[in-house]
N, C-alpha and C. Protein backbone atom coordinates (compact mmCIF):
# COMPACT_ATOMS: atom_id res chain seq x y z
N UNK A 1 -8.70 -18.22 3.26
CA UNK A 1 -7.40 -18.22 2.60
C UNK A 1 -7.14 -16.83 2.03
N UNK A 2 -5.92 -16.34 2.22
CA UNK A 2 -5.54 -15.02 1.74
C UNK A 2 -4.80 -15.14 0.41
N UNK A 3 -4.99 -14.14 -0.41
CA UNK A 3 -4.32 -14.08 -1.71
C UNK A 3 -3.49 -12.80 -1.73
N UNK A 4 -2.22 -12.93 -2.08
CA UNK A 4 -1.31 -11.79 -2.12
C UNK A 4 -1.07 -11.37 -3.56
N UNK A 5 -0.91 -10.08 -3.74
CA UNK A 5 -0.63 -9.51 -5.05
C UNK A 5 0.51 -8.51 -4.89
N UNK A 6 1.53 -8.65 -5.72
CA UNK A 6 2.61 -7.66 -5.74
C UNK A 6 2.05 -6.38 -6.35
N UNK A 7 2.32 -5.23 -5.73
CA UNK A 7 1.83 -3.96 -6.23
C UNK A 7 2.94 -2.91 -6.20
N UNK A 8 2.80 -1.93 -7.07
CA UNK A 8 3.70 -0.77 -7.05
C UNK A 8 3.10 0.27 -6.13
N UNK A 9 3.95 0.93 -5.37
CA UNK A 9 3.45 2.04 -4.55
C UNK A 9 4.40 3.22 -4.65
N UNK A 10 3.85 4.38 -4.36
CA UNK A 10 4.57 5.64 -4.47
C UNK A 10 4.32 6.44 -3.20
N UNK A 11 5.37 6.98 -2.63
CA UNK A 11 5.26 7.74 -1.38
C UNK A 11 5.65 9.19 -1.63
N UNK A 12 5.13 10.04 -0.76
CA UNK A 12 5.54 11.44 -0.77
C UNK A 12 5.28 12.05 0.59
N UNK A 13 5.95 13.15 0.85
CA UNK A 13 5.73 13.93 2.06
C UNK A 13 4.77 15.07 1.73
N UNK A 14 3.83 15.31 2.63
CA UNK A 14 2.90 16.43 2.46
C UNK A 14 2.83 17.20 3.77
N UNK A 15 2.41 18.47 3.71
CA UNK A 15 2.24 19.21 4.96
C UNK A 15 1.19 18.52 5.84
N UNK A 16 1.47 18.48 7.14
CA UNK A 16 0.55 17.87 8.08
C UNK A 16 -0.46 18.93 8.51
N UNK A 17 -1.47 19.11 7.65
CA UNK A 17 -2.51 20.10 7.96
C UNK A 17 -3.85 19.61 7.40
N UNK A 18 -4.95 20.07 7.98
CA UNK A 18 -6.27 19.60 7.56
C UNK A 18 -6.52 19.83 6.06
N UNK A 19 -7.03 18.81 5.40
CA UNK A 19 -7.45 18.94 4.01
C UNK A 19 -6.41 18.64 2.96
N UNK A 20 -5.14 18.51 3.35
CA UNK A 20 -4.09 18.32 2.35
C UNK A 20 -4.25 16.99 1.62
N UNK A 21 -4.44 15.91 2.36
CA UNK A 21 -4.63 14.60 1.72
C UNK A 21 -5.92 14.60 0.89
N UNK A 22 -6.97 15.20 1.41
CA UNK A 22 -8.24 15.26 0.68
C UNK A 22 -8.10 16.00 -0.64
N UNK A 23 -7.32 17.07 -0.65
CA UNK A 23 -7.11 17.84 -1.88
C UNK A 23 -6.42 16.97 -2.94
N UNK A 24 -5.38 16.25 -2.52
CA UNK A 24 -4.64 15.41 -3.46
C UNK A 24 -5.51 14.26 -3.94
N UNK A 25 -6.17 13.58 -3.01
CA UNK A 25 -7.02 12.44 -3.39
C UNK A 25 -8.16 12.87 -4.30
N UNK A 26 -8.75 14.03 -4.05
CA UNK A 26 -9.83 14.53 -4.92
C UNK A 26 -9.32 14.81 -6.32
N UNK A 27 -8.14 15.39 -6.41
CA UNK A 27 -7.54 15.66 -7.73
C UNK A 27 -7.27 14.38 -8.50
N UNK A 28 -6.77 13.37 -7.82
CA UNK A 28 -6.53 12.08 -8.47
C UNK A 28 -7.85 11.46 -8.94
N UNK A 29 -8.86 11.50 -8.08
CA UNK A 29 -10.16 10.91 -8.43
C UNK A 29 -10.78 11.63 -9.63
N UNK A 30 -10.73 12.95 -9.64
CA UNK A 30 -11.29 13.72 -10.76
C UNK A 30 -10.60 13.40 -12.07
N UNK A 31 -9.31 13.04 -11.98
CA UNK A 31 -8.54 12.70 -13.18
C UNK A 31 -8.69 11.23 -13.57
N UNK A 32 -9.50 10.48 -12.82
CA UNK A 32 -9.77 9.10 -13.19
C UNK A 32 -8.83 8.06 -12.60
N UNK A 33 -8.04 8.44 -11.60
CA UNK A 33 -7.11 7.49 -10.98
C UNK A 33 -7.87 6.62 -9.98
N UNK A 34 -7.70 5.31 -10.10
CA UNK A 34 -8.28 4.36 -9.16
C UNK A 34 -7.17 3.86 -8.24
N UNK A 35 -7.37 4.01 -6.94
CA UNK A 35 -6.39 3.54 -5.98
C UNK A 35 -6.85 2.22 -5.37
N UNK A 36 -5.96 1.26 -5.29
CA UNK A 36 -6.24 0.01 -4.59
C UNK A 36 -6.13 0.21 -3.09
N UNK A 37 -5.23 1.11 -2.69
CA UNK A 37 -5.04 1.42 -1.27
C UNK A 37 -4.37 2.77 -1.13
N UNK A 38 -4.55 3.35 0.03
CA UNK A 38 -3.94 4.63 0.38
C UNK A 38 -3.72 4.61 1.88
N UNK A 39 -2.60 5.11 2.31
CA UNK A 39 -2.34 5.23 3.75
C UNK A 39 -1.52 6.48 4.00
N UNK A 40 -1.64 7.01 5.17
CA UNK A 40 -0.87 8.18 5.56
C UNK A 40 -0.61 8.16 7.05
N UNK A 41 0.50 8.76 7.44
CA UNK A 41 0.85 8.80 8.86
C UNK A 41 1.80 9.97 9.09
N UNK A 42 1.83 10.49 10.32
CA UNK A 42 2.72 11.61 10.62
C UNK A 42 4.18 11.20 10.49
N UNK A 43 4.98 12.16 10.03
CA UNK A 43 6.41 11.94 9.89
C UNK A 43 7.08 13.27 10.20
N UNK A 44 7.47 13.46 11.45
CA UNK A 44 8.01 14.75 11.86
C UNK A 44 6.94 15.82 11.78
N UNK A 45 7.26 16.93 11.15
CA UNK A 45 6.29 18.02 10.99
C UNK A 45 5.38 17.83 9.78
N UNK A 46 5.70 16.83 8.97
CA UNK A 46 4.91 16.52 7.78
C UNK A 46 4.16 15.21 7.98
N UNK A 47 3.59 14.73 6.91
CA UNK A 47 2.98 13.40 6.88
C UNK A 47 3.50 12.68 5.65
N UNK A 48 3.66 11.37 5.78
CA UNK A 48 3.99 10.56 4.61
C UNK A 48 2.69 9.93 4.13
N UNK A 49 2.46 9.98 2.83
CA UNK A 49 1.32 9.31 2.23
C UNK A 49 1.83 8.33 1.19
N UNK A 50 1.22 7.16 1.16
CA UNK A 50 1.57 6.12 0.20
C UNK A 50 0.37 5.83 -0.67
N UNK A 51 0.57 5.84 -1.97
CA UNK A 51 -0.48 5.56 -2.95
C UNK A 51 -0.20 4.21 -3.59
N UNK A 52 -1.21 3.36 -3.66
CA UNK A 52 -1.10 2.10 -4.37
C UNK A 52 -2.15 2.13 -5.48
N UNK A 53 -1.73 2.55 -6.69
CA UNK A 53 -2.67 2.71 -7.79
C UNK A 53 -2.97 1.41 -8.52
N UNK A 54 -4.19 1.31 -9.06
CA UNK A 54 -4.54 0.17 -9.90
C UNK A 54 -3.71 0.18 -11.18
N UNK A 55 -3.46 1.38 -11.70
CA UNK A 55 -2.68 1.52 -12.93
C UNK A 55 -1.55 2.53 -12.68
N UNK A 56 -0.34 2.05 -12.39
CA UNK A 56 0.77 2.97 -12.07
C UNK A 56 1.09 3.97 -13.18
N UNK A 57 0.95 3.58 -14.44
CA UNK A 57 1.27 4.49 -15.54
C UNK A 57 0.32 5.69 -15.53
N UNK A 58 -0.98 5.42 -15.39
CA UNK A 58 -1.97 6.51 -15.32
C UNK A 58 -1.72 7.38 -14.10
N UNK A 59 -1.48 6.73 -12.97
CA UNK A 59 -1.22 7.47 -11.74
C UNK A 59 -0.05 8.43 -11.91
N UNK A 60 1.06 7.93 -12.46
CA UNK A 60 2.25 8.78 -12.63
C UNK A 60 1.99 9.95 -13.57
N UNK A 61 1.25 9.72 -14.65
CA UNK A 61 0.94 10.80 -15.58
C UNK A 61 0.11 11.89 -14.89
N UNK A 62 -0.89 11.47 -14.14
CA UNK A 62 -1.74 12.43 -13.43
C UNK A 62 -0.93 13.14 -12.33
N UNK A 63 -0.12 12.38 -11.59
CA UNK A 63 0.69 12.97 -10.52
C UNK A 63 1.64 14.03 -11.07
N UNK A 64 2.23 13.74 -12.24
CA UNK A 64 3.10 14.74 -12.87
C UNK A 64 2.31 16.01 -13.20
N UNK A 65 1.11 15.83 -13.75
CA UNK A 65 0.27 16.97 -14.08
C UNK A 65 -0.13 17.78 -12.85
N UNK A 66 -0.27 17.10 -11.72
CA UNK A 66 -0.61 17.77 -10.46
C UNK A 66 0.63 18.31 -9.74
N UNK A 67 1.81 18.06 -10.33
CA UNK A 67 3.09 18.49 -9.76
C UNK A 67 3.34 17.89 -8.37
N UNK A 68 2.94 16.62 -8.20
CA UNK A 68 3.20 15.94 -6.94
C UNK A 68 4.65 15.50 -6.90
N UNK A 69 5.30 15.65 -5.77
CA UNK A 69 6.72 15.30 -5.62
C UNK A 69 6.83 13.92 -5.01
N UNK A 70 6.70 12.91 -5.87
CA UNK A 70 6.74 11.52 -5.43
C UNK A 70 8.17 11.02 -5.34
N UNK A 71 8.38 10.07 -4.44
CA UNK A 71 9.64 9.32 -4.43
C UNK A 71 9.52 8.26 -5.51
N UNK A 72 10.57 7.56 -5.77
CA UNK A 72 10.56 6.52 -6.80
C UNK A 72 9.61 5.38 -6.48
N UNK A 73 9.26 4.64 -7.52
CA UNK A 73 8.37 3.49 -7.38
C UNK A 73 9.03 2.41 -6.54
N UNK A 74 8.22 1.81 -5.66
CA UNK A 74 8.67 0.67 -4.87
C UNK A 74 7.61 -0.43 -4.98
N UNK A 75 7.96 -1.60 -4.48
CA UNK A 75 7.04 -2.73 -4.54
C UNK A 75 6.60 -3.13 -3.14
N UNK A 76 5.31 -3.38 -3.00
CA UNK A 76 4.73 -3.86 -1.76
C UNK A 76 3.75 -4.97 -2.09
N UNK A 77 2.87 -5.28 -1.15
CA UNK A 77 1.91 -6.36 -1.35
C UNK A 77 0.53 -5.94 -0.89
N UNK A 78 -0.46 -6.32 -1.66
CA UNK A 78 -1.86 -6.16 -1.31
C UNK A 78 -2.36 -7.57 -0.99
N UNK A 79 -2.93 -7.73 0.18
CA UNK A 79 -3.42 -9.03 0.64
C UNK A 79 -4.93 -8.94 0.74
N UNK A 80 -5.63 -9.94 0.22
CA UNK A 80 -7.09 -10.00 0.32
C UNK A 80 -7.49 -11.41 0.69
N UNK A 81 -8.58 -11.54 1.46
CA UNK A 81 -9.01 -12.88 1.80
C UNK A 81 -10.24 -12.90 2.67
N UNK A 82 -10.57 -14.10 3.12
CA UNK A 82 -11.71 -14.30 4.01
C UNK A 82 -11.34 -13.80 5.40
N UNK A 83 -12.26 -13.05 5.98
CA UNK A 83 -12.04 -12.49 7.31
C UNK A 83 -12.35 -13.56 8.35
N UNK A 84 -11.31 -14.17 8.86
CA UNK A 84 -11.47 -15.18 9.89
C UNK A 84 -10.35 -15.03 10.90
N UNK A 85 -10.59 -15.51 12.08
CA UNK A 85 -9.60 -15.41 13.14
C UNK A 85 -8.25 -15.95 12.66
N UNK A 86 -7.21 -15.15 12.84
CA UNK A 86 -5.86 -15.59 12.48
C UNK A 86 -5.46 -15.39 11.03
N UNK A 87 -6.32 -14.76 10.23
CA UNK A 87 -6.02 -14.60 8.80
C UNK A 87 -4.71 -13.86 8.58
N UNK A 88 -4.53 -12.72 9.22
CA UNK A 88 -3.29 -11.96 9.02
C UNK A 88 -2.13 -12.63 9.75
N UNK A 89 -2.42 -13.34 10.83
CA UNK A 89 -1.37 -14.08 11.54
C UNK A 89 -0.74 -15.13 10.62
N UNK A 90 -1.55 -15.79 9.82
CA UNK A 90 -1.02 -16.79 8.89
C UNK A 90 -0.10 -16.15 7.85
N UNK A 91 -0.48 -14.99 7.37
CA UNK A 91 0.36 -14.27 6.39
C UNK A 91 1.69 -13.89 7.04
N UNK A 92 1.63 -13.34 8.23
CA UNK A 92 2.84 -12.90 8.92
C UNK A 92 3.74 -14.10 9.26
N UNK A 93 3.13 -15.23 9.60
CA UNK A 93 3.90 -16.43 9.92
C UNK A 93 4.64 -16.96 8.70
N UNK A 94 3.98 -16.94 7.55
CA UNK A 94 4.66 -17.36 6.31
C UNK A 94 5.91 -16.51 6.07
N UNK A 95 5.78 -15.21 6.27
CA UNK A 95 6.91 -14.32 6.05
C UNK A 95 8.01 -14.56 7.09
N UNK A 96 7.62 -14.81 8.32
CA UNK A 96 8.60 -15.10 9.38
C UNK A 96 9.38 -16.37 9.06
N UNK A 97 8.69 -17.40 8.58
CA UNK A 97 9.36 -18.66 8.22
C UNK A 97 10.34 -18.46 7.07
N UNK A 98 10.04 -17.48 6.21
CA UNK A 98 10.94 -17.17 5.09
C UNK A 98 12.02 -16.17 5.50
N UNK A 99 12.04 -15.82 6.78
CA UNK A 99 13.02 -14.86 7.33
C UNK A 99 12.90 -13.48 6.69
N UNK A 100 11.66 -13.08 6.40
CA UNK A 100 11.39 -11.75 5.85
C UNK A 100 10.86 -10.88 6.98
N UNK A 101 11.55 -9.77 7.23
CA UNK A 101 11.09 -8.82 8.22
C UNK A 101 10.10 -7.85 7.57
N UNK A 102 8.92 -7.73 8.13
CA UNK A 102 7.90 -6.83 7.61
C UNK A 102 8.17 -5.43 8.15
N UNK A 103 8.29 -4.47 7.24
CA UNK A 103 8.53 -3.09 7.63
C UNK A 103 7.29 -2.46 8.24
N UNK A 104 6.13 -2.70 7.61
CA UNK A 104 4.85 -2.17 8.10
C UNK A 104 3.73 -2.99 7.49
N UNK A 105 2.60 -3.00 8.19
CA UNK A 105 1.41 -3.68 7.68
C UNK A 105 0.18 -2.95 8.22
N UNK A 106 -0.82 -2.78 7.39
CA UNK A 106 -2.13 -2.26 7.79
C UNK A 106 -3.15 -3.27 7.33
N UNK A 107 -3.90 -3.84 8.27
CA UNK A 107 -4.91 -4.84 7.94
C UNK A 107 -6.25 -4.38 8.50
N UNK A 108 -7.31 -4.56 7.71
CA UNK A 108 -8.65 -4.14 8.13
C UNK A 108 -9.69 -5.13 7.63
N UNK A 109 -10.81 -5.17 8.31
CA UNK A 109 -11.94 -5.94 7.80
C UNK A 109 -12.58 -5.14 6.67
N UNK A 110 -13.07 -5.82 5.68
CA UNK A 110 -13.70 -5.13 4.55
C UNK A 110 -15.21 -5.36 4.54
N UNK A 111 -15.72 -6.05 5.55
CA UNK A 111 -17.14 -6.36 5.59
C UNK A 111 -17.44 -7.56 4.70
N UNK A 112 -18.64 -8.07 4.83
CA UNK A 112 -19.09 -9.21 4.02
C UNK A 112 -18.13 -10.39 4.11
N UNK A 113 -17.50 -10.56 5.30
CA UNK A 113 -16.62 -11.70 5.49
C UNK A 113 -15.27 -11.60 4.83
N UNK A 114 -14.83 -10.40 4.47
CA UNK A 114 -13.55 -10.21 3.77
C UNK A 114 -12.61 -9.33 4.60
N UNK A 115 -11.31 -9.45 4.35
CA UNK A 115 -10.34 -8.54 4.93
C UNK A 115 -9.33 -8.16 3.85
N UNK A 116 -8.64 -7.09 4.12
CA UNK A 116 -7.59 -6.65 3.22
C UNK A 116 -6.43 -6.11 4.03
N UNK A 117 -5.26 -6.10 3.42
CA UNK A 117 -4.07 -5.57 4.09
C UNK A 117 -3.11 -5.05 3.03
N UNK A 118 -2.32 -4.08 3.43
CA UNK A 118 -1.19 -3.66 2.63
C UNK A 118 0.04 -3.93 3.48
N UNK A 119 1.08 -4.38 2.83
CA UNK A 119 2.25 -4.88 3.54
C UNK A 119 3.50 -4.41 2.83
N UNK A 120 4.44 -3.89 3.62
CA UNK A 120 5.69 -3.39 3.09
C UNK A 120 6.85 -4.22 3.64
N UNK A 121 7.81 -4.52 2.78
CA UNK A 121 9.06 -5.15 3.19
C UNK A 121 10.19 -4.35 2.55
N UNK A 122 11.40 -4.56 3.03
CA UNK A 122 12.54 -3.90 2.38
C UNK A 122 12.61 -4.39 0.94
N UNK A 123 13.01 -3.51 0.06
CA UNK A 123 13.04 -3.85 -1.36
C UNK A 123 13.94 -5.04 -1.66
N UNK A 124 14.98 -5.23 -0.88
CA UNK A 124 15.87 -6.39 -1.07
C UNK A 124 15.16 -7.70 -0.73
N UNK A 125 14.04 -7.63 0.01
CA UNK A 125 13.32 -8.82 0.43
C UNK A 125 12.05 -9.12 -0.39
N UNK A 126 11.77 -8.31 -1.40
CA UNK A 126 10.53 -8.45 -2.17
C UNK A 126 10.43 -9.84 -2.83
N UNK A 127 11.48 -10.30 -3.46
CA UNK A 127 11.43 -11.60 -4.14
C UNK A 127 11.17 -12.73 -3.16
N UNK A 128 11.88 -12.71 -2.03
CA UNK A 128 11.70 -13.75 -1.02
C UNK A 128 10.29 -13.69 -0.43
N UNK A 129 9.78 -12.48 -0.19
CA UNK A 129 8.42 -12.32 0.34
C UNK A 129 7.40 -12.82 -0.68
N UNK A 130 7.61 -12.51 -1.94
CA UNK A 130 6.67 -12.96 -2.99
C UNK A 130 6.60 -14.49 -3.04
N UNK A 131 7.76 -15.13 -2.94
CA UNK A 131 7.77 -16.60 -2.93
C UNK A 131 7.01 -17.13 -1.72
N UNK A 132 7.25 -16.54 -0.55
CA UNK A 132 6.60 -17.00 0.68
C UNK A 132 5.09 -16.82 0.60
N UNK A 133 4.66 -15.76 -0.08
CA UNK A 133 3.23 -15.45 -0.18
C UNK A 133 2.57 -16.11 -1.39
N UNK A 134 3.36 -16.76 -2.22
CA UNK A 134 2.80 -17.48 -3.37
C UNK A 134 2.39 -16.58 -4.51
N UNK A 135 3.06 -15.42 -4.68
CA UNK A 135 2.71 -14.53 -5.79
C UNK A 135 3.62 -14.76 -6.98
């Protein structure tokens, strides 16, 4: 069974070059920021990186100190559960039945019989998605 949690996330564009994400992530870690999830992908000549912090207030304070150019806060979902065949399919089916279109999803095994996923929907669909996911 999967458990969904509504989370705040923050996105930004960074240069698409070796070490850029590592530099930012190292700075956040040194300042005591705990991330629940992080993802990045190419976007034109740059890369988009999304941060899902355990504590958004701390993250924002540190990000300001690091002069990171973040976009505004948005809401997504962190999914955790038992790693079994069809686990993420069940999550996606719940959202489909609620007529929620998923913008993006990254799901991975976490070992020890667990899986995790981060899931994005349009901000207008967050409430409906939360109801469908039981958050």
